[in-house]
Amino acid sequence: MEASIKQKHPQADVELIPGSGGTFLVHADGKKVWDKLADNSGFPDEAALLGTL
């Protein structure tokens, strides 16, 4: 997914922070655009995630 984000937004700063509990968060321009746990939205497929960016 990092490669897809970087392809669509070459200047993006993509950081993987290892954790536990199945958390998956995506922030863009200081705003949360995907939160697997809080929004009960599950893990996104690439097309769904890129559609939010």
Protein backbone atom coordinates (compact mmCIF):
# COMPACT_ATOMS: atom_id res chain seq x y z
CA MET A 1 0.00 0.00 0.00
CA GLU A 2 2.91 2.33 0.65
CA ALA A 3 3.97 2.05 -2.99
CA SER A 4 0.44 2.87 -4.19
CA ILE A 5 0.24 5.93 -1.95
CA LYS A 6 3.69 7.13 -3.08
CA GLN A 7 2.72 6.60 -6.73
CA LYS A 8 -0.41 8.74 -6.37
CA HIS A 9 1.25 11.29 -4.06
CA PRO A 10 5.03 11.28 -4.68
CA GLN A 11 5.68 13.83 -1.92
CA ALA A 12 3.81 11.77 0.71
CA ASP A 13 5.61 10.86 3.90
CA VAL A 14 4.59 7.25 4.57
CA GLU A 15 5.59 5.77 7.92
CA LEU A 16 4.95 2.29 9.27
CA ILE A 17 4.72 2.21 13.05
CA PRO A 18 4.65 -1.38 14.31
CA GLY A 19 1.99 -2.02 16.89
CA SER A 20 -0.51 -4.56 18.10
CA GLY A 21 -4.25 -4.96 18.26
CA GLY A 22 -4.89 -4.61 14.55
CA THR A 23 -4.75 -0.83 14.40
CA PHE A 24 -4.57 0.72 10.93
CA LEU A 25 -4.58 4.52 10.76
CA VAL A 26 -4.03 6.81 7.80
CA HIS A 27 -3.60 10.58 8.12
CA ALA A 28 -3.34 13.03 5.23
CA ASP A 29 -2.70 16.75 5.60
CA GLY A 30 -3.09 16.42 9.36
CA LYS A 31 -6.53 14.81 9.09
CA LYS A 32 -7.50 11.23 9.84
CA VAL A 33 -8.81 9.62 6.64
CA TRP A 34 -8.91 5.97 7.74
CA ASP A 35 -9.18 4.38 11.19
CA LYS A 36 -9.85 0.66 11.07
CA LEU A 37 -10.90 0.41 14.71
CA ALA A 38 -12.60 3.71 15.55
CA ASP A 39 -14.69 3.88 12.39
CA ASN A 40 -15.33 0.12 12.35
CA SER A 41 -14.34 0.34 8.70
CA GLY A 42 -12.04 -2.67 8.62
CA PHE A 43 -8.84 -2.88 6.61
CA PRO A 44 -9.17 -0.99 3.31
CA ASP A 45 -8.35 -2.35 -0.09
CA GLU A 46 -5.99 -0.11 -2.05
CA ALA A 47 -8.69 1.41 -4.25
CA ALA A 48 -10.83 2.38 -1.25
CA LEU A 49 -7.90 3.92 0.58
CA LEU A 50 -6.59 5.82 -2.43
CA GLY A 51 -10.09 7.14 -3.05
CA THR A 52 -9.96 8.91 0.31
CA LEU A 53 -6.64 10.64 -0.39
